[in-house]
Amino acid sequence: MAGLNSLRLRSRQSQASSSRTFLFARLHWVSLFLVVAATAWPVAAQTNSSSTKPYASLDREAVSYRGPGRAAARDVLGGVVTIGIILPLQGRREPEGRALLVAAQLALEEEDAAGLLPDGPRLVLAARDEAGRWGQASSEIVQLIEQDHALALITSADGNIAHQAEQIANKTGIPILTLSSDATTTQINIPWLFRLGPSDADQSRAFAEHIYRKNGFQRVLQIVEMGHDGRIGSVEFENAARQLQAPLPDRVDFASSESELEAVATQVQARNPEAIVLWTDALFAAKLLALIRGVAPSVPVYVCRKAAQFAIEGGGETSGVTPVPEKRSDAGVWMVVARSSVQEAARREFAERFRHRIGTPPGIAAVQAYDAVRLVAAALHRAGPNLARLRDHLASGMRFQGASGTISFDAAGNRAGDVALVRMSSLTGTTSVF
């Protein structure tokens, strides 16, 4: 990996190179306050958008990005073109980061076996760690662009990291593909950010429809991990409940600490909910589910994408998904997937390679990371090694057939298409699709 991170691309014009150096010197200062800005702003933006109707709206379809840099003189030269990926590679979320890295490496190996990019460069991967001291993620994102010369970035499911990358992209225009479901990342039409899965808003609407309308539940409990993603997701679900004129859910917050999980289970038992919605990360979700089943074995649990990222979609993202039946739900674990066609042979081939490499089947996040690398590679084959043209191609409505289904983006960078609710036996497997 150190060898990959040390690879550099050369610019055609020394003037452009000088400008780039000055730009990234400024970015080092920008990175010092990005964590605070990325954490605080989205919550305010989401709250305001839910309570106040804007005096005007912008037609995203009528807006196009016309920034500079598309000329051939701005193409990168050299033997490599780099994709950057920012992951949790230490601490409690290390299993998530390692799974995503393996998936990205498998995609890179597949692209390498298929041949070089047009005009001869080879595609390489540069990975950096988002975990660690305060502010490390934004500094590492800057290094992916400045030192590793990445032409595109891939971020994990952490919405806070996605916002830090978005702030840096505001200075550079680098395309970002994110696994984060935070809807605020694409709410204001950032022209270089693309989300690979359903947003928190998409998930909340599907959850609320099933909980309140399909099942008629009234007593709903949200369990929220305090932090950026938990706050955003819980607000989206409250908004979805208001849209249906349903009773607002009750809520239990907990800090990112395993010592509080037993207390959360006690709260579940005391409040006796008819349905539970989890806005947590995957490791907490698995432990919470085990505790919930001990005190509320018959209560359906709805989990966000971040909580379900180790789950296996064994056919969930298919064009044949049918609506959820009009009946009360039995106990089960539910999640939201994109409704799109899947080439099962391609999915199985990737799953077999992943299992051989890491010993476990790939979850939904690993499949998305694999698709993200292949999607960027496909766009590079069309656009060439040029940052602005690469962004243009990703935003052009291109349709890419990946292991997670058909991927294309709308004008705001959201993954296009409908979503569907699937029922799982646990957080590690999908048993049936509704």
Protein backbone atom coordinates (compact mmCIF):
# COMPACT_ATOMS: atom_id res chain seq x y z
CA MET A 1 0.00 0.00 0.00
CA ALA A 2 2.90 2.36 0.75
CA GLY A 3 4.06 1.79 -2.83
CA LEU A 4 0.65 2.77 -4.17
CA ASN A 5 0.49 5.87 -2.01
CA SER A 6 3.87 7.08 -3.25
CA LEU A 7 2.89 7.05 -6.93
CA ARG A 8 2.54 10.49 -8.50
CA LEU A 9 1.04 11.81 -11.70
CA ARG A 10 2.66 14.57 -13.77
CA SER A 11 0.90 17.62 -15.15
CA ARG A 12 1.32 18.82 -18.73
CA GLN A 13 1.66 22.46 -17.77
CA SER A 14 4.04 23.82 -15.16
CA GLN A 15 1.68 26.74 -14.59
CA ALA A 16 -1.15 24.34 -13.72
CA SER A 17 1.20 22.48 -11.41
CA SER A 18 2.14 25.69 -9.55
CA SER A 19 -1.49 26.64 -9.23
CA ARG A 20 -2.33 23.19 -7.88
CA THR A 21 0.47 23.42 -5.31
CA PHE A 22 -0.81 26.77 -4.06
CA LEU A 23 -4.35 25.43 -3.93
CA PHE A 24 -3.44 22.48 -1.76
CA ALA A 25 -1.39 24.64 0.57
CA ARG A 26 -4.62 26.47 1.25
CA LEU A 27 -6.43 23.17 1.68
CA HIS A 28 -4.22 22.27 4.64
CA TRP A 29 -5.69 25.26 6.49
CA VAL A 30 -9.19 24.43 5.29
CA SER A 31 -8.89 20.91 6.71
CA LEU A 32 -8.45 22.28 10.26
CA PHE A 33 -12.10 23.32 10.58
CA LEU A 34 -13.84 20.87 8.23
CA VAL A 35 -14.77 18.42 10.98
CA VAL A 36 -16.73 21.07 12.86
CA ALA A 37 -18.32 22.49 9.72
CA ALA A 38 -19.28 19.06 8.39
CA THR A 39 -20.79 18.06 11.72
CA ALA A 40 -22.79 21.16 12.55
CA TRP A 41 -24.15 22.48 9.27
CA PRO A 42 -26.10 19.51 7.93
CA VAL A 43 -28.25 19.22 11.07
CA ALA A 44 -29.28 22.86 10.85
CA ALA A 45 -29.93 22.61 7.14
CA GLN A 46 -32.07 19.52 7.57
CA THR A 47 -34.08 21.02 10.44
CA ASN A 48 -34.78 24.23 8.56
CA SER A 49 -35.77 22.44 5.37
CA SER A 50 -38.32 20.34 7.27
CA SER A 51 -40.00 23.24 9.06
CA THR A 52 -39.93 26.12 6.56
CA LYS A 53 -41.10 26.13 2.98
CA PRO A 54 -38.49 27.89 0.80
CA TYR A 55 -39.59 31.10 -0.91
CA ALA A 56 -38.15 29.75 -4.16
CA SER A 57 -36.76 26.52 -5.55
CA LEU A 58 -34.14 25.72 -8.15
CA ASP A 59 -34.84 23.34 -11.01
CA ARG A 60 -31.86 20.98 -10.82
CA GLU A 61 -32.54 19.70 -14.32
CA ALA A 62 -31.98 23.21 -15.68
CA VAL A 63 -28.61 23.62 -13.96
CA SER A 64 -25.38 22.36 -15.47
CA TYR A 65 -21.78 22.53 -14.32
CA ARG A 66 -19.47 24.48 -16.62
CA GLY A 67 -16.23 24.70 -14.67
CA PRO A 68 -12.80 24.79 -16.35
CA GLY A 69 -10.32 22.02 -17.03
CA ARG A 70 -11.83 19.93 -19.83
CA ALA A 71 -9.14 20.64 -22.42
CA ALA A 72 -6.69 17.89 -23.32
CA ALA A 73 -3.91 20.07 -21.93
CA ARG A 74 -5.32 19.43 -18.45
CA ASP A 75 -5.20 15.63 -18.80
CA VAL A 76 -2.82 13.86 -16.42
CA LEU A 77 0.20 12.09 -17.86
CA GLY A 78 2.28 9.22 -16.60
CA GLY A 79 1.93 5.51 -16.13
CA VAL A 80 -0.86 5.51 -13.53
CA VAL A 81 -4.26 6.99 -12.78
CA THR A 82 -5.18 6.88 -9.09
CA ILE A 83 -8.49 6.32 -7.32
CA GLY A 84 -8.43 7.43 -3.68
CA ILE A 85 -10.41 5.73 -0.93
CA ILE A 86 -10.80 6.93 2.68
CA LEU A 87 -11.65 4.19 5.20
CA PRO A 88 -11.64 3.35 8.92
CA LEU A 89 -8.51 1.21 9.14
CA GLN A 90 -8.10 1.14 12.92
CA GLY A 91 -10.26 1.16 16.02
CA ARG A 92 -13.73 -0.30 16.48
CA ARG A 93 -14.74 0.17 12.82
CA GLU A 94 -11.64 -1.53 11.41
CA PRO A 95 -13.62 -4.61 10.21
CA GLU A 96 -15.76 -2.30 8.08
CA GLY A 97 -12.73 -0.58 6.56
CA ARG A 98 -10.90 -3.81 5.82
CA ALA A 99 -13.93 -5.29 4.08
CA LEU A 100 -14.31 -2.19 1.90
CA LEU A 101 -10.60 -2.18 1.07
CA VAL A 102 -10.64 -5.84 0.01
CA ALA A 103 -13.67 -5.18 -2.20
CA ALA A 104 -11.97 -2.18 -3.83
CA GLN A 105 -8.76 -4.17 -4.40
CA LEU A 106 -10.71 -7.00 -6.05
CA ALA A 107 -12.31 -4.49 -8.42
CA LEU A 108 -8.89 -3.03 -9.19
CA GLU A 109 -7.46 -6.48 -9.92
CA GLU A 110 -10.36 -7.13 -12.27
CA GLU A 111 -9.77 -3.85 -14.11
CA ASP A 112 -6.03 -4.53 -14.30
CA ALA A 113 -6.69 -7.93 -15.85
CA ALA A 114 -9.00 -6.32 -18.42
CA GLY A 115 -6.22 -4.07 -19.73
CA LEU A 116 -4.90 -0.54 -19.53
CA LEU A 117 -6.87 2.67 -19.75
CA PRO A 118 -6.94 4.55 -23.08
CA ASP A 119 -3.51 6.00 -23.97
CA GLY A 120 -1.78 3.46 -21.74
CA PRO A 121 -2.00 4.36 -18.02
CA ARG A 122 -2.69 1.74 -15.38
CA LEU A 123 -5.37 2.19 -12.72
CA VAL A 124 -4.11 2.09 -9.11
CA LEU A 125 -5.68 2.52 -5.68
CA ALA A 126 -4.50 4.77 -2.84
CA ALA A 127 -6.07 4.08 0.56
CA ARG A 128 -5.87 6.30 3.64
CA ASP A 129 -7.24 6.05 7.16
CA GLU A 130 -10.18 8.18 8.34
CA ALA A 131 -9.89 6.98 11.97
CA GLY A 132 -7.57 8.42 14.58
CA ARG A 133 -6.97 11.86 16.01
CA TRP A 134 -9.32 14.81 15.57
CA GLY A 135 -9.08 16.23 12.06
CA GLN A 136 -7.13 13.29 10.63
CA ALA A 137 -9.74 12.42 8.02
CA SER A 138 -9.74 15.82 6.33
CA SER A 139 -5.92 15.87 6.31
CA GLU A 140 -5.84 12.40 4.78
CA ILE A 141 -8.37 13.42 2.12
CA VAL A 142 -6.13 16.36 1.19
CA GLN A 143 -3.16 14.00 0.96
CA LEU A 144 -5.09 11.66 -1.35
CA ILE A 145 -5.50 14.59 -3.74
CA GLU A 146 -2.20 16.41 -3.22
CA GLN A 147 0.30 13.58 -2.73
CA ASP A 148 -1.45 10.61 -4.35
CA HIS A 149 -3.00 12.75 -7.13
CA ALA A 150 -6.31 10.89 -7.04
CA LEU A 151 -8.77 11.72 -9.83
CA ALA A 152 -11.76 10.43 -7.82
CA LEU A 153 -12.52 9.69 -4.17
CA ILE A 154 -14.57 6.95 -2.52
CA THR A 155 -15.77 7.44 1.05
CA SER A 156 -17.21 5.03 3.63
CA ALA A 157 -20.74 5.05 5.04
CA ASP A 158 -19.79 7.72 7.59
CA GLY A 159 -21.74 10.87 6.70
CA ASN A 160 -19.36 13.12 8.62
CA ILE A 161 -16.46 11.93 6.44
CA ALA A 162 -18.55 12.45 3.30
CA HIS A 163 -19.16 16.06 4.31
CA GLN A 164 -15.46 16.65 4.93
CA ALA A 165 -14.69 15.27 1.47
CA GLU A 166 -17.44 17.44 -0.01
CA GLN A 167 -15.92 20.59 1.57
CA ILE A 168 -12.54 19.77 0.04
CA ALA A 169 -14.17 19.00 -3.30
CA ASN A 170 -15.60 22.53 -3.22
CA LYS A 171 -12.01 23.71 -3.70
CA THR A 172 -10.87 21.11 -6.21
CA GLY A 173 -13.91 19.76 -8.09
CA ILE A 174 -12.80 16.16 -7.57
CA PRO A 175 -15.63 13.61 -8.06
CA ILE A 176 -16.68 11.82 -4.86
CA LEU A 177 -18.59 8.55 -4.71
CA THR A 178 -19.92 7.98 -1.21
CA LEU A 179 -21.51 5.07 0.62
CA SER A 180 -23.04 7.55 3.07
CA SER A 181 -26.84 7.71 3.14
CA ASP A 182 -26.94 11.27 4.49
CA ALA A 183 -29.38 13.09 2.21
CA THR A 184 -27.92 16.51 3.01
CA THR A 185 -24.78 15.72 1.00
CA THR A 186 -26.76 16.05 -2.24
CA GLN A 187 -29.53 18.33 -1.00
CA ILE A 188 -27.86 21.53 -2.26
CA ASN A 189 -26.79 20.18 -5.65
CA ILE A 190 -23.05 19.79 -5.10
CA PRO A 191 -22.07 18.93 -8.69
CA TRP A 192 -19.24 16.51 -7.87
CA LEU A 193 -20.76 14.31 -5.17
CA PHE A 194 -22.56 11.05 -6.03
CA ARG A 195 -24.29 8.69 -3.57
CA LEU A 196 -24.26 4.96 -4.26
CA GLY A 197 -27.26 3.87 -2.20
CA PRO A 198 -30.66 5.00 -0.91
CA SER A 199 -30.61 8.14 1.24
CA ASP A 200 -31.83 8.44 4.82
CA ALA A 201 -34.88 10.25 3.41
CA ASP A 202 -35.59 7.33 1.04
CA GLN A 203 -35.23 4.82 3.87
CA SER A 204 -37.36 6.85 6.28
CA ARG A 205 -40.23 7.13 3.83
CA ALA A 206 -40.15 3.37 3.19
CA PHE A 207 -39.96 2.61 6.93
CA ALA A 208 -42.80 5.02 7.76
CA GLU A 209 -45.05 3.71 5.00
CA HIS A 210 -44.62 0.13 6.22
CA ILE A 211 -44.85 0.95 9.93
CA TYR A 212 -47.74 3.41 9.97
CA ARG A 213 -49.79 2.71 6.85
CA LYS A 214 -49.23 -0.95 6.08
CA ASN A 215 -49.21 -2.15 9.68
CA GLY A 216 -51.04 0.59 11.54
CA PHE A 217 -48.48 0.74 14.35
CA GLN A 218 -48.73 3.68 16.74
CA ARG A 219 -46.02 3.08 19.34
CA VAL A 220 -42.70 3.40 17.51
CA LEU A 221 -39.30 3.72 19.15
CA GLN A 222 -36.16 5.10 17.51
CA ILE A 223 -32.81 3.98 18.95
CA VAL A 224 -30.25 6.57 17.95
CA GLU A 225 -26.47 6.49 18.24
CA MET A 226 -25.54 10.05 19.11
CA GLY A 227 -23.44 11.62 16.38
CA HIS A 228 -23.82 13.00 12.88
CA ASP A 229 -25.49 10.04 11.16
CA GLY A 230 -27.80 9.15 14.03
CA ARG A 231 -29.11 12.71 14.31
CA ILE A 232 -29.67 13.09 10.58
CA GLY A 233 -31.44 9.74 10.21
CA SER A 234 -33.73 10.24 13.19
CA VAL A 235 -34.79 13.69 11.95
CA GLU A 236 -35.59 12.24 8.53
CA PHE A 237 -37.80 9.56 10.10
CA GLU A 238 -39.64 12.14 12.21
CA ASN A 239 -40.23 14.15 9.02
CA ALA A 240 -41.60 11.04 7.30
CA ALA A 241 -43.98 10.43 10.22
CA ARG A 242 -45.22 14.02 10.01
CA GLN A 243 -45.83 13.62 6.27
CA LEU A 244 -48.16 10.72 7.06
CA GLN A 245 -49.73 12.63 9.96
CA ALA A 246 -48.70 9.75 12.22
CA PRO A 247 -47.71 9.91 15.89
CA LEU A 248 -44.10 11.02 16.28
CA PRO A 249 -41.82 8.18 17.41
CA ASP A 250 -40.41 7.92 20.88
CA ARG A 251 -36.63 8.02 21.04
CA VAL A 252 -33.72 6.63 23.04
CA ASP A 253 -30.26 8.12 22.47
CA PHE A 254 -27.00 6.46 23.45
CA ALA A 255 -23.35 7.43 23.16
CA SER A 256 -20.97 5.36 21.07
CA SER A 257 -20.26 3.01 23.96
CA GLU A 258 -21.08 -0.64 24.52
CA SER A 259 -21.55 0.03 28.22
CA GLU A 260 -24.88 1.79 27.47
CA LEU A 261 -26.45 -1.00 25.41
CA GLU A 262 -27.93 -2.89 28.36
CA ALA A 263 -29.63 0.33 29.50
CA VAL A 264 -31.08 0.75 26.00
CA ALA A 265 -32.56 -2.77 26.15
CA THR A 266 -34.15 -1.91 29.51
CA GLN A 267 -35.72 1.18 27.91
CA VAL A 268 -37.10 -0.97 25.08
CA GLN A 269 -38.76 -3.28 27.58
CA ALA A 270 -40.19 -0.38 29.58
CA ARG A 271 -41.65 1.46 26.58
CA ASN A 272 -43.16 -1.62 24.92
CA PRO A 273 -42.98 -0.40 21.30
CA GLU A 274 -44.80 -2.00 18.37
CA ALA A 275 -41.86 -1.25 16.03
CA ILE A 276 -38.23 -0.19 16.47
CA VAL A 277 -36.03 1.84 14.10
CA LEU A 278 -32.24 1.68 14.51
CA TRP A 279 -29.96 4.55 13.48
CA THR A 280 -26.59 3.11 14.52
CA ASP A 281 -23.47 1.68 12.96
CA ALA A 282 -23.23 -2.02 12.09
CA LEU A 283 -21.37 -3.26 15.16
CA PHE A 284 -23.73 -1.60 17.64
CA ALA A 285 -26.76 -2.69 15.60
CA ALA A 286 -25.81 -6.38 15.79
CA LYS A 287 -25.33 -6.22 19.57
CA LEU A 288 -28.49 -4.19 20.09
CA LEU A 289 -30.54 -6.61 18.02
CA ALA A 290 -29.46 -9.51 20.20
CA LEU A 291 -30.48 -7.56 23.33
CA ILE A 292 -33.77 -6.42 21.79
CA ARG A 293 -34.71 -9.97 20.90
CA GLY A 294 -34.26 -10.89 24.54
CA VAL A 295 -36.84 -8.35 25.76
CA ALA A 296 -39.07 -7.85 22.69
CA PRO A 297 -38.89 -11.01 20.56
CA SER A 298 -41.94 -10.24 18.42
CA VAL A 299 -41.25 -6.58 17.58
CA PRO A 300 -40.14 -5.81 13.99
CA VAL A 301 -36.87 -3.87 13.74
CA TYR A 302 -36.04 -1.49 10.87
CA VAL A 303 -32.33 -0.83 10.35
CA CYS A 304 -30.61 1.91 8.38
CA ARG A 305 -28.11 1.09 5.64
CA LYS A 306 -25.14 1.94 7.87
CA ALA A 307 -26.40 -0.54 10.46
CA ALA A 308 -26.98 -3.20 7.81
CA GLN A 309 -23.77 -2.77 5.83
CA PHE A 310 -22.56 -6.29 6.66
CA ALA A 311 -25.90 -7.77 5.58
CA ILE A 312 -26.01 -9.86 2.41
CA GLU A 313 -28.45 -8.85 -0.29
CA GLY A 314 -29.18 -12.20 -1.84
CA GLY A 315 -31.40 -10.81 -4.58
CA GLY A 316 -32.81 -7.78 -2.82
CA GLU A 317 -31.89 -5.30 -5.54
CA THR A 318 -33.89 -6.81 -8.38
CA SER A 319 -36.40 -5.53 -10.88
CA GLY A 320 -38.88 -8.15 -9.68
CA VAL A 321 -39.34 -6.74 -6.18
CA THR A 322 -43.06 -6.60 -5.34
CA PRO A 323 -44.80 -4.31 -2.84
CA VAL A 324 -44.94 -5.17 0.85
CA PRO A 325 -48.18 -7.10 1.56
CA GLU A 326 -51.05 -5.25 3.22
CA LYS A 327 -50.82 -7.06 6.55
CA ARG A 328 -49.29 -6.66 9.95
CA SER A 329 -45.63 -7.56 10.10
CA ASP A 330 -44.33 -10.39 12.20
CA ALA A 331 -40.97 -10.19 13.94
CA GLY A 332 -38.23 -9.53 11.46
CA VAL A 333 -35.36 -7.25 10.51
CA TRP A 334 -36.11 -4.86 7.66
CA MET A 335 -33.91 -2.71 5.46
CA VAL A 336 -34.22 -0.63 2.28
CA VAL A 337 -32.47 -1.45 -1.00
CA ALA A 338 -32.38 0.09 -4.46
CA ARG A 339 -34.90 -1.45 -6.80
CA SER A 340 -32.91 -2.34 -9.92
CA SER A 341 -31.91 -5.27 -12.08
CA VAL A 342 -29.00 -7.44 -10.98
CA GLN A 343 -26.78 -9.76 -12.99
CA GLU A 344 -26.71 -12.65 -10.55
CA ALA A 345 -23.72 -14.30 -12.22
CA ALA A 346 -21.59 -11.17 -11.71
CA ARG A 347 -22.75 -10.86 -8.10
CA ARG A 348 -21.95 -14.51 -7.34
CA GLU A 349 -18.53 -14.29 -9.00
CA PHE A 350 -17.59 -11.27 -6.88
CA ALA A 351 -19.01 -12.91 -3.73
CA GLU A 352 -16.91 -16.03 -4.31
CA ARG A 353 -13.72 -14.02 -4.84
CA PHE A 354 -14.43 -11.92 -1.75
CA ARG A 355 -15.13 -14.96 0.42
CA HIS A 356 -11.92 -16.62 -0.79
CA ARG A 357 -9.93 -13.50 0.12
CA ILE A 358 -11.46 -12.60 3.49
CA GLY A 359 -13.30 -15.73 4.65
CA THR A 360 -16.79 -14.20 4.85
CA PRO A 361 -19.37 -13.21 2.23
CA PRO A 362 -19.51 -9.53 1.20
CA GLY A 363 -22.08 -7.25 2.79
CA ILE A 364 -23.94 -4.49 0.99
CA ALA A 365 -21.22 -1.90 1.67
CA ALA A 366 -18.49 -4.14 0.24
CA VAL A 367 -20.54 -4.68 -2.91
CA GLN A 368 -20.96 -0.93 -3.27
CA ALA A 369 -17.22 -0.30 -2.79
CA TYR A 370 -16.50 -2.87 -5.49
CA ASP A 371 -18.99 -1.20 -7.83
CA ALA A 372 -17.59 2.26 -7.07
CA VAL A 373 -14.11 1.36 -8.34
CA ARG A 374 -15.50 -0.32 -11.44
CA LEU A 375 -17.84 2.61 -12.11
CA VAL A 376 -14.96 5.10 -11.97
CA ALA A 377 -12.91 2.84 -14.27
CA ALA A 378 -15.77 2.67 -16.78
CA ALA A 379 -16.10 6.47 -16.73
CA LEU A 380 -12.34 6.89 -17.21
CA HIS A 381 -12.45 4.67 -20.29
CA ARG A 382 -14.97 7.12 -21.78
CA ALA A 383 -13.72 10.43 -20.40
CA GLY A 384 -9.97 9.85 -20.27
CA PRO A 385 -7.67 10.87 -17.37
CA ASN A 386 -9.22 14.30 -16.85
CA LEU A 387 -10.87 15.34 -13.57
CA ALA A 388 -13.55 17.62 -15.07
CA ARG A 389 -14.50 15.27 -17.90
CA LEU A 390 -14.66 12.36 -15.43
CA ARG A 391 -17.15 14.31 -13.30
CA ASP A 392 -19.15 15.19 -16.42
CA HIS A 393 -19.44 11.56 -17.43
CA LEU A 394 -20.57 10.42 -13.99
CA ALA A 395 -23.23 13.14 -14.06
CA SER A 396 -24.31 12.43 -17.64
CA GLY A 397 -26.89 9.79 -16.70
CA MET A 398 -24.57 6.91 -17.66
CA ARG A 399 -25.97 3.52 -16.67
CA PHE A 400 -23.52 1.05 -15.17
CA GLN A 401 -24.43 -2.55 -14.51
CA GLY A 402 -22.79 -3.44 -11.22
CA ALA A 403 -22.95 -6.23 -8.68
CA SER A 404 -25.40 -4.11 -6.66
CA GLY A 405 -27.63 -3.49 -9.67
CA THR A 406 -27.89 -0.83 -12.34
CA ILE A 407 -26.29 2.41 -11.18
CA SER A 408 -27.02 5.87 -12.54
CA PHE A 409 -27.33 9.26 -10.88
CA ASP A 410 -29.93 11.98 -11.07
CA ALA A 411 -29.12 15.68 -11.49
CA ALA A 412 -28.35 16.07 -7.78
CA GLY A 413 -26.02 13.04 -7.54
CA ASN A 414 -28.55 10.71 -5.92
CA ARG A 415 -28.69 7.13 -7.11
CA ALA A 416 -31.59 7.10 -9.55
CA GLY A 417 -34.52 4.72 -9.27
CA ASP A 418 -37.00 3.48 -6.72
CA VAL A 419 -36.32 1.70 -3.44
CA ALA A 420 -37.84 -1.43 -1.92
CA LEU A 421 -38.14 -2.86 1.57
CA VAL A 422 -36.59 -6.28 2.20
CA ARG A 423 -36.89 -8.55 5.20
CA MET A 424 -33.84 -10.27 6.64
CA SER A 425 -33.42 -13.06 9.11
CA SER A 426 -30.67 -11.08 10.82
CA LEU A 427 -28.12 -8.38 10.05
CA THR A 428 -26.03 -10.92 8.18
CA GLY A 429 -28.40 -12.19 5.51
CA THR A 430 -31.48 -11.50 3.42
CA THR A 431 -34.14 -14.22 3.43
CA SER A 432 -37.02 -12.79 1.46
CA VAL A 433 -37.93 -9.80 -0.65
CA PHE A 434 -41.26 -7.99 -0.52
